[in-house]
Amino acid sequence: LEKPTSGQILYDGKEVTFASPLDSIAIGIGM
């Protein structure tokens, strides 16, 4: 829902970026 100003998000060992919640849901993160 927000984009970080800086920093990294790693999921299952790989760096990921999210343009929207659809991207996070697609890899396995839900809220």
PDB file of all heavy atoms in Angstrom:
ATOM      1  N   LEU A   1       0.822  -1.209   0.000  1.00  0.00           N
ATOM      2  CA  LEU A   1       0.000   0.000   0.000  1.00  0.00           C
ATOM      3  C   LEU A   1       0.857   1.260   0.000  1.00  0.00           C
ATOM      4  O   LEU A   1       0.390   2.336  -0.381  1.00  0.00           O
ATOM      5  CB  LEU A   1      -0.928   0.014   1.227  1.00  0.00           C
ATOM      6  CG  LEU A   1      -2.087  -0.978   1.193  1.00  0.00           C
ATOM      7  CD1 LEU A   1      -2.729  -1.089   2.566  1.00  0.00           C
ATOM      8  CD2 LEU A   1      -3.121  -0.563   0.157  1.00  0.00           C
ATOM      9  N   GLU A   2       2.092   1.144   0.467  1.00  0.00           N
ATOM     10  CA  GLU A   2       3.057   2.255   0.474  1.00  0.00           C
ATOM     11  C   GLU A   2       4.369   1.759  -0.117  1.00  0.00           C
ATOM     12  O   GLU A   2       4.705   0.580  -0.013  1.00  0.00           O
ATOM     13  CB  GLU A   2       3.300   2.759   1.908  1.00  0.00           C
ATOM     14  CG  GLU A   2       2.090   3.346   2.599  1.00  0.00           C
ATOM     15  CD  GLU A   2       1.929   4.835   2.354  1.00  0.00           C
ATOM     16  OE1 GLU A   2       2.667   5.372   1.494  1.00  0.00           O
ATOM     17  OE2 GLU A   2       1.082   5.442   3.013  1.00  0.00           O
ATOM     18  N   LYS A   3       5.118   2.691  -0.696  1.00  0.00           N
ATOM     19  CA  LYS A   3       6.448   2.354  -1.191  1.00  0.00           C
ATOM     20  C   LYS A   3       7.495   2.929  -0.239  1.00  0.00           C
ATOM     21  O   LYS A   3       7.387   4.095   0.168  1.00  0.00           O
ATOM     22  CB  LYS A   3       6.658   2.922  -2.599  1.00  0.00           C
ATOM     23  CG  LYS A   3       5.821   2.243  -3.660  1.00  0.00           C
ATOM     24  CD  LYS A   3       6.152   2.782  -5.045  1.00  0.00           C
ATOM     25  CE  LYS A   3       5.339   2.052  -6.109  1.00  0.00           C
ATOM     26  NZ  LYS A   3       5.631   2.551  -7.478  1.00  0.00           N
ATOM     27  N   PRO A   4       8.494   2.142   0.151  1.00  0.00           N
ATOM     28  CA  PRO A   4       9.521   2.676   1.041  1.00  0.00           C
ATOM     29  C   PRO A   4      10.373   3.716   0.324  1.00  0.00           C
ATOM     30  O   PRO A   4      10.577   3.642  -0.893  1.00  0.00           O
ATOM     31  CB  PRO A   4      10.343   1.429   1.398  1.00  0.00           C
ATOM     32  CG  PRO A   4      10.146   0.502   0.246  1.00  0.00           C
ATOM     33  CD  PRO A   4       8.755   0.747  -0.250  1.00  0.00           C
ATOM     34  N   THR A   5      10.858   4.687   1.098  1.00  0.00           N
ATOM     35  CA  THR A   5      11.777   5.678   0.533  1.00  0.00           C
ATOM     36  C   THR A   5      13.117   5.031   0.227  1.00  0.00           C
ATOM     37  O   THR A   5      13.765   5.338  -0.778  1.00  0.00           O
ATOM     38  CB  THR A   5      11.959   6.851   1.515  1.00  0.00           C
ATOM     39  OG1 THR A   5      10.668   7.389   1.833  1.00  0.00           O
ATOM     40  CG2 THR A   5      12.823   7.948   0.913  1.00  0.00           C
ATOM     41  N   SER A   6      13.519   4.115   1.105  1.00  0.00           N
ATOM     42  CA  SER A   6      14.753   3.360   0.889  1.00  0.00           C
ATOM     43  C   SER A   6      14.667   2.047   1.650  1.00  0.00           C
ATOM     44  O   SER A   6      13.792   1.855   2.490  1.00  0.00           O
ATOM     45  CB  SER A   6      15.976   4.170   1.343  1.00  0.00           C
ATOM     46  OG  SER A   6      15.901   4.449   2.732  1.00  0.00           O
ATOM     47  N   GLY A   7      15.604   1.142   1.350  1.00  0.00           N
ATOM     48  CA  GLY A   7      15.635  -0.142   2.033  1.00  0.00           C
ATOM     49  C   GLY A   7      15.208  -1.284   1.130  1.00  0.00           C
ATOM     50  O   GLY A   7      14.790  -1.083  -0.018  1.00  0.00           O
ATOM     51  N   GLN A   8      15.291  -2.495   1.658  1.00  0.00           N
ATOM     52  CA  GLN A   8      14.988  -3.694   0.882  1.00  0.00           C
ATOM     53  C   GLN A   8      13.953  -4.567   1.593  1.00  0.00           C
ATOM     54  O   GLN A   8      13.914  -4.632   2.821  1.00  0.00           O
ATOM     55  CB  GLN A   8      16.253  -4.539   0.700  1.00  0.00           C
ATOM     56  CG  GLN A   8      17.351  -3.922  -0.137  1.00  0.00           C
ATOM     57  CD  GLN A   8      18.564  -4.838  -0.165  1.00  0.00           C
ATOM     58  OE1 GLN A   8      19.215  -5.052   0.862  1.00  0.00           O
ATOM     59  NE2 GLN A   8      18.876  -5.408  -1.331  1.00  0.00           N
ATOM     60  N   ILE A   9      13.147  -5.250   0.778  1.00  0.00           N
ATOM     61  CA  ILE A   9      12.244  -6.291   1.275  1.00  0.00           C
ATOM     62  C   ILE A   9      12.675  -7.602   0.626  1.00  0.00           C
ATOM     63  O   ILE A   9      12.769  -7.692  -0.606  1.00  0.00           O
ATOM     64  CB  ILE A   9      10.780  -5.995   0.923  1.00  0.00           C
ATOM     65  CG1 ILE A   9      10.334  -4.645   1.487  1.00  0.00           C
ATOM     66  CG2 ILE A   9       9.864  -7.103   1.454  1.00  0.00           C
ATOM     67  CD1 ILE A   9       8.934  -4.231   1.054  1.00  0.00           C
ATOM     68  N   LEU A  10      12.960  -8.594   1.457  1.00  0.00           N
ATOM     69  CA  LEU A  10      13.347  -9.907   0.953  1.00  0.00           C
ATOM     70  C   LEU A  10      12.271 -10.915   1.317  1.00  0.00           C
ATOM     71  O   LEU A  10      11.834 -10.984   2.468  1.00  0.00           O
ATOM     72  CB  LEU A  10      14.684 -10.343   1.559  1.00  0.00           C
ATOM     73  CG  LEU A  10      15.879  -9.413   1.329  1.00  0.00           C
ATOM     74  CD1 LEU A  10      17.095  -9.932   2.075  1.00  0.00           C
ATOM     75  CD2 LEU A  10      16.180  -9.276  -0.151  1.00  0.00           C
ATOM     76  N   TYR A  11      11.803 -11.684   0.319  1.00  0.00           N
ATOM     77  CA  TYR A  11      10.810 -12.725   0.561  1.00  0.00           C
ATOM     78  C   TYR A  11      11.367 -14.045   0.058  1.00  0.00           C
ATOM     79  O   TYR A  11      11.714 -14.167  -1.124  1.00  0.00           O
ATOM     80  CB  TYR A  11       9.484 -12.398  -0.137  1.00  0.00           C
ATOM     81  CG  TYR A  11       8.392 -13.400   0.161  1.00  0.00           C
ATOM     82  CD1 TYR A  11       7.632 -13.287   1.326  1.00  0.00           C
ATOM     83  CD2 TYR A  11       8.146 -14.470  -0.693  1.00  0.00           C
ATOM     84  CE1 TYR A  11       6.641 -14.214   1.624  1.00  0.00           C
ATOM     85  CE2 TYR A  11       7.161 -15.401  -0.404  1.00  0.00           C
ATOM     86  CZ  TYR A  11       6.418 -15.267   0.757  1.00  0.00           C
ATOM     87  OH  TYR A  11       5.447 -16.192   1.055  1.00  0.00           O
ATOM     88  N   ASP A  12      11.458 -14.995   0.966  1.00  0.00           N
ATOM     89  CA  ASP A  12      11.981 -16.320   0.620  1.00  0.00           C
ATOM     90  C   ASP A  12      13.349 -16.220  -0.058  1.00  0.00           C
ATOM     91  O   ASP A  12      13.660 -16.946  -0.999  1.00  0.00           O
ATOM     92  CB  ASP A  12      10.992 -17.037  -0.293  1.00  0.00           C
ATOM     93  CG  ASP A  12      11.045 -18.565  -0.123  1.00  0.00           C
ATOM     94  OD1 ASP A  12      11.655 -19.019   0.865  1.00  0.00           O
ATOM     95  OD2 ASP A  12      10.494 -19.268  -0.970  1.00  0.00           O
ATOM     96  N   GLY A  13      14.152 -15.273   0.446  1.00  0.00           N
ATOM     97  CA  GLY A  13      15.531 -15.138  -0.030  1.00  0.00           C
ATOM     98  C   GLY A  13      15.733 -14.220  -1.203  1.00  0.00           C
ATOM     99  O   GLY A  13      16.874 -13.960  -1.595  1.00  0.00           O
ATOM    100  N   LYS A  14      14.652 -13.708  -1.796  1.00  0.00           N
ATOM    101  CA  LYS A  14      14.799 -12.873  -2.982  1.00  0.00           C
ATOM    102  C   LYS A  14      14.245 -11.472  -2.716  1.00  0.00           C
ATOM    103  O   LYS A  14      13.214 -11.318  -2.060  1.00  0.00           O
ATOM    104  CB  LYS A  14      14.055 -13.499  -4.163  1.00  0.00           C
ATOM    105  CG  LYS A  14      14.585 -14.869  -4.563  1.00  0.00           C
ATOM    106  CD  LYS A  14      13.737 -15.475  -5.666  1.00  0.00           C
ATOM    107  CE  LYS A  14      14.217 -16.884  -6.015  1.00  0.00           C
ATOM    108  NZ  LYS A  14      13.368 -17.519  -7.061  1.00  0.00           N
ATOM    109  N   GLU A  15      14.923 -10.456  -3.244  1.00  0.00           N
ATOM    110  CA  GLU A  15      14.446  -9.085  -3.089  1.00  0.00           C
ATOM    111  C   GLU A  15      13.182  -8.891  -3.922  1.00  0.00           C
ATOM    112  O   GLU A  15      13.100  -9.332  -5.071  1.00  0.00           O
ATOM    113  CB  GLU A  15      15.512  -8.075  -3.515  1.00  0.00           C
ATOM    114  CG  GLU A  15      15.081  -6.636  -3.268  1.00  0.00           C
ATOM    115  CD  GLU A  15      16.192  -5.622  -3.518  1.00  0.00           C
ATOM    116  OE1 GLU A  15      17.327  -6.033  -3.823  1.00  0.00           O
ATOM    117  OE2 GLU A  15      15.898  -4.418  -3.392  1.00  0.00           O
ATOM    118  N   VAL A  16      12.185  -8.236  -3.329  1.00  0.00           N
ATOM    119  CA  VAL A  16      10.920  -7.999  -4.020  1.00  0.00           C
ATOM    120  C   VAL A  16      10.532  -6.527  -3.899  1.00  0.00           C
ATOM    121  O   VAL A  16      10.944  -5.829  -2.961  1.00  0.00           O
ATOM    122  CB  VAL A  16       9.783  -8.875  -3.443  1.00  0.00           C
ATOM    123  CG1 VAL A  16      10.011 -10.340  -3.751  1.00  0.00           C
ATOM    124  CG2 VAL A  16       9.632  -8.659  -1.933  1.00  0.00           C
ATOM    125  N   THR A  17       9.751  -6.060  -4.855  1.00  0.00           N
ATOM    126  CA  THR A  17       9.153  -4.720  -4.797  1.00  0.00           C
ATOM    127  C   THR A  17       7.673  -4.859  -5.115  1.00  0.00           C
ATOM    128  O   THR A  17       7.268  -5.733  -5.896  1.00  0.00           O
ATOM    129  CB  THR A  17       9.810  -3.749  -5.801  1.00  0.00           C
ATOM    130  OG1 THR A  17       9.694  -4.292  -7.117  1.00  0.00           O
ATOM    131  CG2 THR A  17      11.277  -3.521  -5.459  1.00  0.00           C
ATOM    132  N   PHE A  18       6.863  -3.995  -4.512  1.00  0.00           N
ATOM    133  CA  PHE A  18       5.416  -4.077  -4.684  1.00  0.00           C
ATOM    134  C   PHE A  18       4.882  -2.772  -5.255  1.00  0.00           C
ATOM    135  O   PHE A  18       5.093  -1.702  -4.671  1.00  0.00           O
ATOM    136  CB  PHE A  18       4.718  -4.349  -3.349  1.00  0.00           C
ATOM    137  CG  PHE A  18       5.208  -5.590  -2.646  1.00  0.00           C
ATOM    138  CD1 PHE A  18       5.501  -5.568  -1.281  1.00  0.00           C
ATOM    139  CD2 PHE A  18       5.386  -6.779  -3.337  1.00  0.00           C
ATOM    140  CE1 PHE A  18       5.952  -6.701  -0.625  1.00  0.00           C
ATOM    141  CE2 PHE A  18       5.836  -7.928  -2.688  1.00  0.00           C
ATOM    142  CZ  PHE A  18       6.121  -7.882  -1.337  1.00  0.00           C
ATOM    143  N   ALA A  19       4.182  -2.872  -6.376  1.00  0.00           N
ATOM    144  CA  ALA A  19       3.514  -1.696  -6.936  1.00  0.00           C
ATOM    145  C   ALA A  19       2.136  -1.510  -6.313  1.00  0.00           C
ATOM    146  O   ALA A  19       1.596  -0.406  -6.279  1.00  0.00           O
ATOM    147  CB  ALA A  19       3.387  -1.831  -8.454  1.00  0.00           C
ATOM    148  N   SER A  20       1.559  -2.613  -5.801  1.00  0.00           N
ATOM    149  CA  SER A  20       0.230  -2.578  -5.184  1.00  0.00           C
ATOM    150  C   SER A  20       0.055  -3.841  -4.345  1.00  0.00           C
ATOM    151  O   SER A  20       0.877  -4.762  -4.424  1.00  0.00           O
ATOM    152  CB  SER A  20      -0.853  -2.519  -6.254  1.00  0.00           C
ATOM    153  OG  SER A  20      -1.021  -3.790  -6.857  1.00  0.00           O
ATOM    154  N   PRO A  21      -1.032  -3.924  -3.553  1.00  0.00           N
ATOM    155  CA  PRO A  21      -1.290  -5.148  -2.788  1.00  0.00           C
ATOM    156  C   PRO A  21      -1.425  -6.400  -3.654  1.00  0.00           C
ATOM    157  O   PRO A  21      -1.179  -7.507  -3.175  1.00  0.00           O
ATOM    158  CB  PRO A  21      -2.599  -4.828  -2.061  1.00  0.00           C
ATOM    159  CG  PRO A  21      -2.594  -3.351  -1.899  1.00  0.00           C
ATOM    160  CD  PRO A  21      -1.956  -2.834  -3.153  1.00  0.00           C
ATOM    161  N   LEU A  22      -1.803  -6.225  -4.902  1.00  0.00           N
ATOM    162  CA  LEU A  22      -1.916  -7.390  -5.784  1.00  0.00           C
ATOM    163  C   LEU A  22      -0.576  -8.100  -5.925  1.00  0.00           C
ATOM    164  O   LEU A  22      -0.514  -9.333  -6.014  1.00  0.00           O
ATOM    165  CB  LEU A  22      -2.422  -6.955  -7.168  1.00  0.00           C
ATOM    166  CG  LEU A  22      -3.877  -6.473  -7.247  1.00  0.00           C
ATOM    167  CD1 LEU A  22      -4.201  -5.991  -8.648  1.00  0.00           C
ATOM    168  CD2 LEU A  22      -4.841  -7.566  -6.813  1.00  0.00           C
ATOM    169  N   ASP A  23       0.521  -7.318  -5.916  1.00  0.00           N
ATOM    170  CA  ASP A  23       1.862  -7.911  -6.022  1.00  0.00           C
ATOM    171  C   ASP A  23       2.222  -8.689  -4.767  1.00  0.00           C
ATOM    172  O   ASP A  23       2.811  -9.772  -4.838  1.00  0.00           O
ATOM    173  CB  ASP A  23       2.909  -6.814  -6.270  1.00  0.00           C
ATOM    174  CG  ASP A  23       2.749  -6.154  -7.625  1.00  0.00           C
ATOM    175  OD1 ASP A  23       2.153  -6.788  -8.519  1.00  0.00           O
ATOM    176  OD2 ASP A  23       3.203  -5.007  -7.793  1.00  0.00           O
ATOM    177  N   SER A  24       1.883  -8.126  -3.596  1.00  0.00           N
ATOM    178  CA  SER A  24       2.211  -8.814  -2.339  1.00  0.00           C
ATOM    179  C   SER A  24       1.370 -10.087  -2.189  1.00  0.00           C
ATOM    180  O   SER A  24       1.871 -11.134  -1.756  1.00  0.00           O
ATOM    181  CB  SER A  24       2.003  -7.884  -1.137  1.00  0.00           C
ATOM    182  OG  SER A  24       0.657  -7.496  -1.018  1.00  0.00           O
ATOM    183  N   ILE A  25       0.097 -10.010  -2.560  1.00  0.00           N
ATOM    184  CA  ILE A  25      -0.765 -11.198  -2.492  1.00  0.00           C
ATOM    185  C   ILE A  25      -0.260 -12.281  -3.433  1.00  0.00           C
ATOM    186  O   ILE A  25      -0.278 -13.477  -3.112  1.00  0.00           O
ATOM    187  CB  ILE A  25      -2.231 -10.810  -2.825  1.00  0.00           C
ATOM    188  CG1 ILE A  25      -2.823  -9.936  -1.701  1.00  0.00           C
ATOM    189  CG2 ILE A  25      -3.090 -12.054  -3.016  1.00  0.00           C
ATOM    190  CD1 ILE A  25      -4.160  -9.312  -2.043  1.00  0.00           C
ATOM    191  N   ALA A  26       0.221 -11.853  -4.586  1.00  0.00           N
ATOM    192  CA  ALA A  26       0.672 -12.811  -5.603  1.00  0.00           C
ATOM    193  C   ALA A  26       1.835 -13.671  -5.121  1.00  0.00           C
ATOM    194  O   ALA A  26       1.956 -14.835  -5.513  1.00  0.00           O
ATOM    195  CB  ALA A  26       1.066 -12.066  -6.872  1.00  0.00           C
ATOM    196  N   ILE A  27       2.695 -13.115  -4.241  1.00  0.00           N
ATOM    197  CA  ILE A  27       3.837 -13.910  -3.769  1.00  0.00           C
ATOM    198  C   ILE A  27       3.562 -14.600  -2.438  1.00  0.00           C
ATOM    199  O   ILE A  27       4.374 -15.402  -1.970  1.00  0.00           O
ATOM    200  CB  ILE A  27       5.127 -13.066  -3.660  1.00  0.00           C
ATOM    201  CG1 ILE A  27       5.028 -12.050  -2.520  1.00  0.00           C
ATOM    202  CG2 ILE A  27       5.462 -12.392  -4.975  1.00  0.00           C
ATOM    203  CD1 ILE A  27       6.354 -11.437  -2.158  1.00  0.00           C
ATOM    204  N   GLY A  28       2.401 -14.268  -1.795  1.00  0.00           N
ATOM    205  CA  GLY A  28       2.047 -14.988  -0.577  1.00  0.00           C
ATOM    206  C   GLY A  28       1.910 -14.165   0.683  1.00  0.00           C
ATOM    207  O   GLY A  28       1.942 -14.700   1.786  1.00  0.00           O
ATOM    208  N   ILE A  29       1.743 -12.841   0.564  1.00  0.00           N
ATOM    209  CA  ILE A  29       1.556 -11.975   1.736  1.00  0.00           C
ATOM    210  C   ILE A  29       0.139 -11.411   1.706  1.00  0.00           C
ATOM    211  O   ILE A  29      -0.271 -10.799   0.713  1.00  0.00           O
ATOM    212  CB  ILE A  29       2.573 -10.818   1.755  1.00  0.00           C
ATOM    213  CG1 ILE A  29       4.005 -11.352   1.801  1.00  0.00           C
ATOM    214  CG2 ILE A  29       2.318  -9.901   2.955  1.00  0.00           C
ATOM    215  CD1 ILE A  29       5.073 -10.280   1.662  1.00  0.00           C
ATOM    216  N   GLY A  30      -0.615 -11.616   2.777  1.00  0.00           N
ATOM    217  CA  GLY A  30      -1.984 -11.105   2.859  1.00  0.00           C
ATOM    218  C   GLY A  30      -2.210 -10.341   4.145  1.00  0.00           C
ATOM    219  O   GLY A  30      -1.476 -10.514   5.115  1.00  0.00           O
ATOM    220  N   MET A  31      -3.225  -9.484   4.147  1.00  0.00           N
ATOM    221  CA  MET A  31      -3.489  -8.654   5.327  1.00  0.00           C
ATOM    222  C   MET A  31      -4.979  -8.616   5.638  1.00  0.00           C
ATOM    223  O   MET A  31      -5.807  -8.410   4.746  1.00  0.00           O
ATOM    224  CB  MET A  31      -2.968  -7.231   5.100  1.00  0.00           C
ATOM    225  CG  MET A  31      -3.115  -6.310   6.294  1.00  0.00           C
ATOM    226  SD  MET A  31      -2.211  -4.761   6.029  1.00  0.00           S
ATOM    227  CE  MET A  31      -2.554  -3.911   7.588  1.00  0.00           C
TER     228      MET A  31
END
